[in-house]
Amino acid sequence: DAASSLAPYRLYNIGNHQRVELLRYIRAIEAAAGRKAVLDLLPMQ
């Protein structure tokens, strides 16, 4: 098991256990800022 061992060793994920689309994230910023975003759509880096 990669996440534990016979040694005193552990690995854990710390996340929110939710998939959030980037555009939803941006909409949340728009709502909090009271402004609309101008999107510069770019390829994957």
ModelCIF file with pLDDT and N, C-alpha, C, O atoms, coordinates in Angstrom:
data_MODEL
#
_entry.id   MODEL 
#
_entity.id                         1 
_entity.type                       polymer 
_entity.pdbx_number_of_molecules   1 
#
_entity_poly.entity_id                      1 
_entity_poly.type                           'polypeptide(L)' 
_entity_poly.nstd_linkage                   no 
_entity_poly.nstd_monomer                   no 
_entity_poly.pdbx_seq_one_letter_code       DAASSLAPYRLYNIGNHQRVELLRYIRAIEAAAGRKAVLDLLPMQ 
_entity_poly.pdbx_seq_one_letter_code_can   DAASSLAPYRLYNIGNHQRVELLRYIRAIEAAAGRKAVLDLLPMQ 
_entity_poly.pdbx_strand_id                 A 
#
loop_
_entity_poly_seq.entity_id 
_entity_poly_seq.num 
_entity_poly_seq.mon_id 
_entity_poly_seq.hetero 
1 1  ASP n 
1 2  ALA n 
1 3  ALA n 
1 4  SER n 
1 5  SER n 
1 6  LEU n 
1 7  ALA n 
1 8  PRO n 
1 9  TYR n 
1 10 ARG n 
1 11 LEU n 
1 12 TYR n 
1 13 ASN n 
1 14 ILE n 
1 15 GLY n 
1 16 ASN n 
1 17 HIS n 
1 18 GLN n 
1 19 ARG n 
1 20 VAL n 
1 21 GLU n 
1 22 LEU n 
1 23 LEU n 
1 24 ARG n 
1 25 TYR n 
1 26 ILE n 
1 27 ARG n 
1 28 ALA n 
1 29 ILE n 
1 30 GLU n 
1 31 ALA n 
1 32 ALA n 
1 33 ALA n 
1 34 GLY n 
1 35 ARG n 
1 36 LYS n 
1 37 ALA n 
1 38 VAL n 
1 39 LEU n 
1 40 ASP n 
1 41 LEU n 
1 42 LEU n 
1 43 PRO n 
1 44 MET n 
1 45 GLN n 
#
_struct_asym.id          A 
_struct_asym.entity_id   1 
#
loop_
_ma_qa_metric.id 
_ma_qa_metric.mode 
_ma_qa_metric.name 
_ma_qa_metric.software_group_id 
_ma_qa_metric.type 
1 global pLDDT . pLDDT 
2 local  pLDDT . pLDDT 
#
_ma_qa_metric_global.metric_id      1 
_ma_qa_metric_global.metric_value   95.98 
_ma_qa_metric_global.model_id       1 
_ma_qa_metric_global.ordinal_id     1 
#
loop_
_ma_qa_metric_local.label_asym_id 
_ma_qa_metric_local.label_comp_id 
_ma_qa_metric_local.label_seq_id 
_ma_qa_metric_local.metric_id 
_ma_qa_metric_local.metric_value 
_ma_qa_metric_local.model_id 
_ma_qa_metric_local.ordinal_id 
A ASP 1  2 94.00 1 1  
A ALA 2  2 94.00 1 2  
A ALA 3  2 97.00 1 3  
A SER 4  2 98.00 1 4  
A SER 5  2 98.00 1 5  
A LEU 6  2 98.00 1 6  
A ALA 7  2 98.00 1 7  
A PRO 8  2 98.00 1 8  
A TYR 9  2 98.00 1 9  
A ARG 10 2 98.00 1 10 
A LEU 11 2 98.00 1 11 
A TYR 12 2 98.00 1 12 
A ASN 13 2 98.00 1 13 
A ILE 14 2 96.00 1 14 
A GLY 15 2 96.00 1 15 
A ASN 16 2 94.00 1 16 
A HIS 17 2 92.00 1 17 
A GLN 18 2 90.00 1 18 
A ARG 19 2 93.00 1 19 
A VAL 20 2 96.00 1 20 
A GLU 21 2 96.00 1 21 
A LEU 22 2 96.00 1 22 
A LEU 23 2 96.00 1 23 
A ARG 24 2 97.00 1 24 
A TYR 25 2 97.00 1 25 
A ILE 26 2 97.00 1 26 
A ARG 27 2 98.00 1 27 
A ALA 28 2 98.00 1 28 
A ILE 29 2 98.00 1 29 
A GLU 30 2 98.00 1 30 
A ALA 31 2 98.00 1 31 
A ALA 32 2 98.00 1 32 
A ALA 33 2 97.00 1 33 
A GLY 34 2 97.00 1 34 
A ARG 35 2 96.00 1 35 
A LYS 36 2 97.00 1 36 
A ALA 37 2 97.00 1 37 
A VAL 38 2 96.00 1 38 
A LEU 39 2 96.00 1 39 
A ASP 40 2 95.00 1 40 
A LEU 41 2 93.00 1 41 
A LEU 42 2 94.00 1 42 
A PRO 43 2 93.00 1 43 
A MET 44 2 91.00 1 44 
A GLN 45 2 88.00 1 45 
#
loop_
_atom_site.group_PDB 
_atom_site.id 
_atom_site.type_symbol 
_atom_site.label_atom_id 
_atom_site.label_alt_id 
_atom_site.label_comp_id 
_atom_site.label_asym_id 
_atom_site.label_entity_id 
_atom_site.label_seq_id 
_atom_site.pdbx_PDB_ins_code 
_atom_site.Cartn_x 
_atom_site.Cartn_y 
_atom_site.Cartn_z 
_atom_site.occupancy 
_atom_site.B_iso_or_equiv 
_atom_site.pdbx_formal_charge 
_atom_site.auth_seq_id 
_atom_site.auth_comp_id 
_atom_site.auth_asym_id 
_atom_site.auth_atom_id 
_atom_site.pdbx_PDB_model_num 
ATOM 1   N N  . ASP A 1 1  ? 0.861   -1.187 0.000   1.00 94.00 ? 1  ASP A N  1 
ATOM 2   C CA . ASP A 1 1  ? 0.000   0.000  0.000   1.00 94.00 ? 1  ASP A CA 1 
ATOM 3   C C  . ASP A 1 1  ? 0.893   1.232  0.000   1.00 94.00 ? 1  ASP A C  1 
ATOM 4   O O  . ASP A 1 1  ? 1.681   1.424  0.926   1.00 94.00 ? 1  ASP A O  1 
ATOM 5   N N  . ALA A 1 2  ? 0.780   2.070  -1.029  1.00 94.00 ? 2  ALA A N  1 
ATOM 6   C CA . ALA A 1 2  ? 1.674   3.222  -1.172  1.00 94.00 ? 2  ALA A CA 1 
ATOM 7   C C  . ALA A 1 2  ? 1.448   4.278  -0.093  1.00 94.00 ? 2  ALA A C  1 
ATOM 8   O O  . ALA A 1 2  ? 2.318   5.118  0.135   1.00 94.00 ? 2  ALA A O  1 
ATOM 9   N N  . ALA A 1 3  ? 0.300   4.248  0.569   1.00 97.00 ? 3  ALA A N  1 
ATOM 10  C CA . ALA A 1 3  ? -0.050  5.309  1.513   1.00 97.00 ? 3  ALA A CA 1 
ATOM 11  C C  . ALA A 1 3  ? 0.343   4.995  2.950   1.00 97.00 ? 3  ALA A C  1 
ATOM 12  O O  . ALA A 1 3  ? 0.149   5.830  3.833   1.00 97.00 ? 3  ALA A O  1 
ATOM 13  N N  . SER A 1 4  ? 0.896   3.800  3.206   1.00 98.00 ? 4  SER A N  1 
ATOM 14  C CA . SER A 1 4  ? 1.315   3.443  4.559   1.00 98.00 ? 4  SER A CA 1 
ATOM 15  C C  . SER A 1 4  ? 2.508   2.508  4.465   1.00 98.00 ? 4  SER A C  1 
ATOM 16  O O  . SER A 1 4  ? 3.046   2.290  3.379   1.00 98.00 ? 4  SER A O  1 
ATOM 17  N N  . SER A 1 5  ? 2.929   1.944  5.618   1.00 98.00 ? 5  SER A N  1 
ATOM 18  C CA . SER A 1 5  ? 4.160   1.173  5.628   1.00 98.00 ? 5  SER A CA 1 
ATOM 19  C C  . SER A 1 5  ? 4.291   0.425  6.949   1.00 98.00 ? 5  SER A C  1 
ATOM 20  O O  . SER A 1 5  ? 3.551   0.679  7.899   1.00 98.00 ? 5  SER A O  1 
ATOM 21  N N  . LEU A 1 6  ? 5.244   -0.497 6.992   1.00 98.00 ? 6  LEU A N  1 
ATOM 22  C CA . LEU A 1 6  ? 5.639   -1.068 8.271   1.00 98.00 ? 6  LEU A CA 1 
ATOM 23  C C  . LEU A 1 6  ? 6.397   -0.040 9.101   1.00 98.00 ? 6  LEU A C  1 
ATOM 24  O O  . LEU A 1 6  ? 6.528   -0.190 10.316  1.00 98.00 ? 6  LEU A O  1 
ATOM 25  N N  . ALA A 1 7  ? 6.894   1.004  8.443   1.00 98.00 ? 7  ALA A N  1 
ATOM 26  C CA . ALA A 1 7  ? 7.499   2.150  9.132   1.00 98.00 ? 7  ALA A CA 1 
ATOM 27  C C  . ALA A 1 7  ? 6.393   3.099  9.585   1.00 98.00 ? 7  ALA A C  1 
ATOM 28  O O  . ALA A 1 7  ? 5.272   3.014  9.083   1.00 98.00 ? 7  ALA A O  1 
ATOM 29  N N  . PRO A 1 8  ? 6.684   4.001  10.523  1.00 98.00 ? 8  PRO A N  1 
ATOM 30  C CA . PRO A 1 8  ? 5.672   4.985  10.961  1.00 98.00 ? 8  PRO A CA 1 
ATOM 31  C C  . PRO A 1 8  ? 5.503   6.079  9.912   1.00 98.00 ? 8  PRO A C  1 
ATOM 32  O O  . PRO A 1 8  ? 6.057   7.169  10.044  1.00 98.00 ? 8  PRO A O  1 
ATOM 33  N N  . TYR A 1 9  ? 4.744   5.782  8.885   1.00 98.00 ? 9  TYR A N  1 
ATOM 34  C CA . TYR A 1 9  ? 4.651   6.636  7.694   1.00 98.00 ? 9  TYR A CA 1 
ATOM 35  C C  . TYR A 1 9  ? 3.230   6.595  7.147   1.00 98.00 ? 9  TYR A C  1 
ATOM 36  O O  . TYR A 1 9  ? 2.616   5.532  7.050   1.00 98.00 ? 9  TYR A O  1 
ATOM 37  N N  . ARG A 1 10 ? 2.715   7.777  6.789   1.00 98.00 ? 10 ARG A N  1 
ATOM 38  C CA . ARG A 1 10 ? 1.381   7.866  6.197   1.00 98.00 ? 10 ARG A CA 1 
ATOM 39  C C  . ARG A 1 10 ? 1.342   8.960  5.131   1.00 98.00 ? 10 ARG A C  1 
ATOM 40  O O  . ARG A 1 10 ? 2.085   9.939  5.197   1.00 98.00 ? 10 ARG A O  1 
ATOM 41  N N  . LEU A 1 11 ? 0.464   8.773  4.153   1.00 98.00 ? 11 LEU A N  1 
ATOM 42  C CA . LEU A 1 11 ? 0.151   9.804  3.164   1.00 98.00 ? 11 LEU A CA 1 
ATOM 43  C C  . LEU A 1 11 ? -1.355  10.034 3.166   1.00 98.00 ? 11 LEU A C  1 
ATOM 44  O O  . LEU A 1 11 ? -2.139  9.087  3.220   1.00 98.00 ? 11 LEU A O  1 
ATOM 45  N N  . TYR A 1 12 ? -1.757  11.326 3.107   1.00 98.00 ? 12 TYR A N  1 
ATOM 46  C CA . TYR A 1 12 ? -3.181  11.658 3.027   1.00 98.00 ? 12 TYR A CA 1 
ATOM 47  C C  . TYR A 1 12 ? -3.417  12.741 1.981   1.00 98.00 ? 12 TYR A C  1 
ATOM 48  O O  . TYR A 1 12 ? -2.612  13.657 1.818   1.00 98.00 ? 12 TYR A O  1 
ATOM 49  N N  . ASN A 1 13 ? -4.538  12.615 1.278   1.00 98.00 ? 13 ASN A N  1 
ATOM 50  C CA . ASN A 1 13 ? -5.050  13.727 0.486   1.00 98.00 ? 13 ASN A CA 1 
ATOM 51  C C  . ASN A 1 13 ? -5.766  14.701 1.413   1.00 98.00 ? 13 ASN A C  1 
ATOM 52  O O  . ASN A 1 13 ? -6.466  14.288 2.337   1.00 98.00 ? 13 ASN A O  1 
ATOM 53  N N  . ILE A 1 14 ? -5.587  16.005 1.159   1.00 96.00 ? 14 ILE A N  1 
ATOM 54  C CA . ILE A 1 14 ? -6.458  17.006 1.784   1.00 96.00 ? 14 ILE A CA 1 
ATOM 55  C C  . ILE A 1 14 ? -7.061  17.831 0.655   1.00 96.00 ? 14 ILE A C  1 
ATOM 56  O O  . ILE A 1 14 ? -6.399  18.679 0.057   1.00 96.00 ? 14 ILE A O  1 
ATOM 57  N N  . GLY A 1 15 ? -8.316  17.564 0.384   1.00 96.00 ? 15 GLY A N  1 
ATOM 58  C CA . GLY A 1 15 ? -9.048  18.288 -0.654  1.00 96.00 ? 15 GLY A CA 1 
ATOM 59  C C  . GLY A 1 15 ? -10.489 18.454 -0.213  1.00 96.00 ? 15 GLY A C  1 
ATOM 60  O O  . GLY A 1 15 ? -10.861 18.067 0.894   1.00 96.00 ? 15 GLY A O  1 
ATOM 61  N N  . ASN A 1 16 ? -11.285 19.027 -1.078  1.00 94.00 ? 16 ASN A N  1 
ATOM 62  C CA . ASN A 1 16 ? -12.696 19.268 -0.763  1.00 94.00 ? 16 ASN A CA 1 
ATOM 63  C C  . ASN A 1 16 ? -13.589 18.142 -1.246  1.00 94.00 ? 16 ASN A C  1 
ATOM 64  O O  . ASN A 1 16 ? -14.794 18.140 -0.994  1.00 94.00 ? 16 ASN A O  1 
ATOM 65  N N  . HIS A 1 17 ? -12.985 17.168 -1.953  1.00 92.00 ? 17 HIS A N  1 
ATOM 66  C CA . HIS A 1 17 ? -13.704 16.018 -2.501  1.00 92.00 ? 17 HIS A CA 1 
ATOM 67  C C  . HIS A 1 17 ? -14.855 16.465 -3.415  1.00 92.00 ? 17 HIS A C  1 
ATOM 68  O O  . HIS A 1 17 ? -15.940 15.883 -3.406  1.00 92.00 ? 17 HIS A O  1 
ATOM 69  N N  . GLN A 1 18 ? -14.587 17.507 -4.196  1.00 90.00 ? 18 GLN A N  1 
ATOM 70  C CA . GLN A 1 18 ? -15.585 18.003 -5.153  1.00 90.00 ? 18 GLN A CA 1 
ATOM 71  C C  . GLN A 1 18 ? -14.888 18.453 -6.429  1.00 90.00 ? 18 GLN A C  1 
ATOM 72  O O  . GLN A 1 18 ? -13.830 19.081 -6.388  1.00 90.00 ? 18 GLN A O  1 
ATOM 73  N N  . ARG A 1 19 ? -15.499 18.121 -7.559  1.00 93.00 ? 19 ARG A N  1 
ATOM 74  C CA . ARG A 1 19 ? -14.994 18.621 -8.833  1.00 93.00 ? 19 ARG A CA 1 
ATOM 75  C C  . ARG A 1 19 ? -15.700 19.946 -9.132  1.00 93.00 ? 19 ARG A C  1 
ATOM 76  O O  . ARG A 1 19 ? -16.927 20.001 -9.216  1.00 93.00 ? 19 ARG A O  1 
ATOM 77  N N  . VAL A 1 20 ? -14.918 20.999 -9.290  1.00 96.00 ? 20 VAL A N  1 
ATOM 78  C CA . VAL A 1 20 ? -15.487 22.322 -9.568  1.00 96.00 ? 20 VAL A CA 1 
ATOM 79  C C  . VAL A 1 20 ? -14.935 22.816 -10.899 1.00 96.00 ? 20 VAL A C  1 
ATOM 80  O O  . VAL A 1 20 ? -13.721 22.896 -11.086 1.00 96.00 ? 20 VAL A O  1 
ATOM 81  N N  . GLU A 1 21 ? -15.825 23.141 -11.813 1.00 96.00 ? 21 GLU A N  1 
ATOM 82  C CA . GLU A 1 21 ? -15.396 23.652 -13.107 1.00 96.00 ? 21 GLU A CA 1 
ATOM 83  C C  . GLU A 1 21 ? -14.782 25.035 -12.934 1.00 96.00 ? 21 GLU A C  1 
ATOM 84  O O  . GLU A 1 21 ? -15.246 25.836 -12.122 1.00 96.00 ? 21 GLU A O  1 
ATOM 85  N N  . LEU A 1 22 ? -13.740 25.304 -13.702 1.00 96.00 ? 22 LEU A N  1 
ATOM 86  C CA . LEU A 1 22 ? -13.058 26.593 -13.608 1.00 96.00 ? 22 LEU A CA 1 
ATOM 87  C C  . LEU A 1 22 ? -14.021 27.743 -13.868 1.00 96.00 ? 22 LEU A C  1 
ATOM 88  O O  . LEU A 1 22 ? -13.912 28.794 -13.236 1.00 96.00 ? 22 LEU A O  1 
ATOM 89  N N  . LEU A 1 23 ? -14.954 27.561 -14.784 1.00 96.00 ? 23 LEU A N  1 
ATOM 90  C CA . LEU A 1 23 ? -15.890 28.647 -15.093 1.00 96.00 ? 23 LEU A CA 1 
ATOM 91  C C  . LEU A 1 23 ? -16.833 28.921 -13.917 1.00 96.00 ? 23 LEU A C  1 
ATOM 92  O O  . LEU A 1 23 ? -17.260 30.060 -13.728 1.00 96.00 ? 23 LEU A O  1 
ATOM 93  N N  . ARG A 1 24 ? -17.161 27.901 -13.131 1.00 97.00 ? 24 ARG A N  1 
ATOM 94  C CA . ARG A 1 24 ? -17.954 28.133 -11.910 1.00 97.00 ? 24 ARG A CA 1 
ATOM 95  C C  . ARG A 1 24 ? -17.141 28.956 -10.919 1.00 97.00 ? 24 ARG A C  1 
ATOM 96  O O  . ARG A 1 24 ? -17.676 29.848 -10.261 1.00 97.00 ? 24 ARG A O  1 
ATOM 97  N N  . TYR A 1 25 ? -15.866 28.661 -10.814 1.00 97.00 ? 25 TYR A N  1 
ATOM 98  C CA . TYR A 1 25 ? -14.955 29.405 -9.942  1.00 97.00 ? 25 TYR A CA 1 
ATOM 99  C C  . TYR A 1 25 ? -14.935 30.876 -10.346 1.00 97.00 ? 25 TYR A C  1 
ATOM 100 O O  . TYR A 1 25 ? -14.991 31.763 -9.494  1.00 97.00 ? 25 TYR A O  1 
ATOM 101 N N  . ILE A 1 26 ? -14.856 31.124 -11.637 1.00 97.00 ? 26 ILE A N  1 
ATOM 102 C CA . ILE A 1 26 ? -14.838 32.504 -12.144 1.00 97.00 ? 26 ILE A CA 1 
ATOM 103 C C  . ILE A 1 26 ? -16.168 33.188 -11.877 1.00 97.00 ? 26 ILE A C  1 
ATOM 104 O O  . ILE A 1 26 ? -16.199 34.368 -11.528 1.00 97.00 ? 26 ILE A O  1 
ATOM 105 N N  . ARG A 1 27 ? -17.271 32.460 -12.038 1.00 98.00 ? 27 ARG A N  1 
ATOM 106 C CA . ARG A 1 27 ? -18.583 33.053 -11.744 1.00 98.00 ? 27 ARG A CA 1 
ATOM 107 C C  . ARG A 1 27 ? -18.690 33.442 -10.266 1.00 98.00 ? 27 ARG A C  1 
ATOM 108 O O  . ARG A 1 27 ? -19.313 34.449 -9.931  1.00 98.00 ? 27 ARG A O  1 
ATOM 109 N N  . ALA A 1 28 ? -18.081 32.640 -9.386  1.00 98.00 ? 28 ALA A N  1 
ATOM 110 C CA . ALA A 1 28 ? -18.094 32.971 -7.954  1.00 98.00 ? 28 ALA A CA 1 
ATOM 111 C C  . ALA A 1 28 ? -17.320 34.266 -7.699  1.00 98.00 ? 28 ALA A C  1 
ATOM 112 O O  . ALA A 1 28 ? -17.725 35.075 -6.863  1.00 98.00 ? 28 ALA A O  1 
ATOM 113 N N  . ILE A 1 29 ? -16.206 34.467 -8.417  1.00 98.00 ? 29 ILE A N  1 
ATOM 114 C CA . ILE A 1 29 ? -15.446 35.710 -8.272  1.00 98.00 ? 29 ILE A CA 1 
ATOM 115 C C  . ILE A 1 29 ? -16.265 36.885 -8.784  1.00 98.00 ? 29 ILE A C  1 
ATOM 116 O O  . ILE A 1 29 ? -16.303 37.940 -8.150  1.00 98.00 ? 29 ILE A O  1 
ATOM 117 N N  . GLU A 1 30 ? -16.923 36.709 -9.930  1.00 98.00 ? 30 GLU A N  1 
ATOM 118 C CA . GLU A 1 30 ? -17.772 37.771 -10.485 1.00 98.00 ? 30 GLU A CA 1 
ATOM 119 C C  . GLU A 1 30 ? -18.850 38.181 -9.480  1.00 98.00 ? 30 GLU A C  1 
ATOM 120 O O  . GLU A 1 30 ? -19.099 39.370 -9.279  1.00 98.00 ? 30 GLU A O  1 
ATOM 121 N N  . ALA A 1 31 ? -19.487 37.189 -8.850  1.00 98.00 ? 31 ALA A N  1 
ATOM 122 C CA . ALA A 1 31 ? -20.555 37.488 -7.894  1.00 98.00 ? 31 ALA A CA 1 
ATOM 123 C C  . ALA A 1 31 ? -20.005 38.248 -6.690  1.00 98.00 ? 31 ALA A C  1 
ATOM 124 O O  . ALA A 1 31 ? -20.633 39.192 -6.211  1.00 98.00 ? 31 ALA A O  1 
ATOM 125 N N  . ALA A 1 32 ? -18.837 37.840 -6.201  1.00 98.00 ? 32 ALA A N  1 
ATOM 126 C CA . ALA A 1 32 ? -18.258 38.502 -5.035  1.00 98.00 ? 32 ALA A CA 1 
ATOM 127 C C  . ALA A 1 32 ? -17.732 39.892 -5.359  1.00 98.00 ? 32 ALA A C  1 
ATOM 128 O O  . ALA A 1 32 ? -17.785 40.794 -4.523  1.00 98.00 ? 32 ALA A O  1 
ATOM 129 N N  . ALA A 1 33 ? -17.222 40.063 -6.586  1.00 97.00 ? 33 ALA A N  1 
ATOM 130 C CA . ALA A 1 33 ? -16.640 41.345 -6.981  1.00 97.00 ? 33 ALA A CA 1 
ATOM 131 C C  . ALA A 1 33 ? -17.676 42.306 -7.546  1.00 97.00 ? 33 ALA A C  1 
ATOM 132 O O  . ALA A 1 33 ? -17.431 43.510 -7.622  1.00 97.00 ? 33 ALA A O  1 
ATOM 133 N N  . GLY A 1 34 ? -18.822 41.786 -7.937  1.00 97.00 ? 34 GLY A N  1 
ATOM 134 C CA . GLY A 1 34 ? -19.848 42.630 -8.557  1.00 97.00 ? 34 GLY A CA 1 
ATOM 135 C C  . GLY A 1 34 ? -19.449 43.111 -9.942  1.00 97.00 ? 34 GLY A C  1 
ATOM 136 O O  . GLY A 1 34 ? -19.913 44.157 -10.398 1.00 97.00 ? 34 GLY A O  1 
ATOM 137 N N  . ARG A 1 35 ? -18.597 42.357 -10.608 1.00 96.00 ? 35 ARG A N  1 
ATOM 138 C CA . ARG A 1 35 ? -18.125 42.711 -11.953 1.00 96.00 ? 35 ARG A CA 1 
ATOM 139 C C  . ARG A 1 35 ? -18.152 41.471 -12.839 1.00 96.00 ? 35 ARG A C  1 
ATOM 140 O O  . ARG A 1 35 ? -18.063 40.343 -12.355 1.00 96.00 ? 35 ARG A O  1 
ATOM 141 N N  . LYS A 1 36 ? -18.277 41.703 -14.153 1.00 97.00 ? 36 LYS A N  1 
ATOM 142 C CA . LYS A 1 36 ? -18.184 40.611 -15.117 1.00 97.00 ? 36 LYS A CA 1 
ATOM 143 C C  . LYS A 1 36 ? -16.744 40.449 -15.571 1.00 97.00 ? 36 LYS A C  1 
ATOM 144 O O  . LYS A 1 36 ? -16.009 41.424 -15.726 1.00 97.00 ? 36 LYS A O  1 
ATOM 145 N N  . ALA A 1 37 ? -16.358 39.197 -15.780 1.00 97.00 ? 37 ALA A N  1 
ATOM 146 C CA . ALA A 1 37 ? -15.001 38.906 -16.234 1.00 97.00 ? 37 ALA A CA 1 
ATOM 147 C C  . ALA A 1 37 ? -14.909 38.960 -17.753 1.00 97.00 ? 37 ALA A C  1 
ATOM 148 O O  . ALA A 1 37 ? -15.851 38.600 -18.458 1.00 97.00 ? 37 ALA A O  1 
ATOM 149 N N  . VAL A 1 38 ? -13.771 39.411 -18.240 1.00 96.00 ? 38 VAL A N  1 
ATOM 150 C CA . VAL A 1 38 ? -13.434 39.328 -19.667 1.00 96.00 ? 38 VAL A CA 1 
ATOM 151 C C  . VAL A 1 38 ? -12.436 38.184 -19.785 1.00 96.00 ? 38 VAL A C  1 
ATOM 152 O O  . VAL A 1 38 ? -11.349 38.238 -19.212 1.00 96.00 ? 38 VAL A O  1 
ATOM 153 N N  . LEU A 1 39 ? -12.810 37.147 -20.532 1.00 96.00 ? 39 LEU A N  1 
ATOM 154 C CA . LEU A 1 39 ? -12.000 35.938 -20.594 1.00 96.00 ? 39 LEU A CA 1 
ATOM 155 C C  . LEU A 1 39 ? -11.080 35.933 -21.808 1.00 96.00 ? 39 LEU A C  1 
ATOM 156 O O  . LEU A 1 39 ? -11.511 36.164 -22.937 1.00 96.00 ? 39 LEU A O  1 
ATOM 157 N N  . ASP A 1 40 ? -9.801  35.664 -21.548 1.00 95.00 ? 40 ASP A N  1 
ATOM 158 C CA . ASP A 1 40 ? -8.825  35.458 -22.619 1.00 95.00 ? 40 ASP A CA 1 
ATOM 159 C C  . ASP A 1 40 ? -8.579  33.953 -22.687 1.00 95.00 ? 40 ASP A C  1 
ATOM 160 O O  . ASP A 1 40 ? -7.751  33.422 -21.946 1.00 95.00 ? 40 ASP A O  1 
ATOM 161 N N  . LEU A 1 41 ? -9.299  33.268 -23.576 1.00 93.00 ? 41 LEU A N  1 
ATOM 162 C CA . LEU A 1 41 ? -9.249  31.815 -23.647 1.00 93.00 ? 41 LEU A CA 1 
ATOM 163 C C  . LEU A 1 41 ? -7.961  31.357 -24.326 1.00 93.00 ? 41 LEU A C  1 
ATOM 164 O O  . LEU A 1 41 ? -7.669  31.741 -25.459 1.00 93.00 ? 41 LEU A O  1 
ATOM 165 N N  . LEU A 1 42 ? -7.200  30.534 -23.619 1.00 94.00 ? 42 LEU A N  1 
ATOM 166 C CA . LEU A 1 42 ? -5.873  30.113 -24.068 1.00 94.00 ? 42 LEU A CA 1 
ATOM 167 C C  . LEU A 1 42 ? -5.770  28.596 -24.059 1.00 94.00 ? 42 LEU A C  1 
ATOM 168 O O  . LEU A 1 42 ? -6.561  27.930 -23.390 1.00 94.00 ? 42 LEU A O  1 
ATOM 169 N N  . PRO A 1 43 ? -4.801  28.031 -24.794 1.00 93.00 ? 43 PRO A N  1 
ATOM 170 C CA . PRO A 1 43 ? -4.609  26.576 -24.776 1.00 93.00 ? 43 PRO A CA 1 
ATOM 171 C C  . PRO A 1 43 ? -4.020  26.106 -23.445 1.00 93.00 ? 43 PRO A C  1 
ATOM 172 O O  . PRO A 1 43 ? -3.576  26.915 -22.629 1.00 93.00 ? 43 PRO A O  1 
ATOM 173 N N  . MET A 1 44 ? -4.023  24.805 -23.243 1.00 91.00 ? 44 MET A N  1 
ATOM 174 C CA . MET A 1 44 ? -3.441  24.212 -22.042 1.00 91.00 ? 44 MET A CA 1 
ATOM 175 C C  . MET A 1 44 ? -1.956  24.523 -21.972 1.00 91.00 ? 44 MET A C  1 
ATOM 176 O O  . MET A 1 44 ? -1.258  24.473 -22.985 1.00 91.00 ? 44 MET A O  1 
ATOM 177 N N  . GLN A 1 45 ? -1.475  24.841 -20.783 1.00 88.00 ? 45 GLN A N  1 
ATOM 178 C CA . GLN A 1 45 ? -0.057  25.120 -20.611 1.00 88.00 ? 45 GLN A CA 1 
ATOM 179 C C  . GLN A 1 45 ? 0.709   23.848 -20.264 1.00 88.00 ? 45 GLN A C  1 
ATOM 180 O O  . GLN A 1 45 ? 1.926   23.891 -20.081 1.00 88.00 ? 45 GLN A O  1 
#
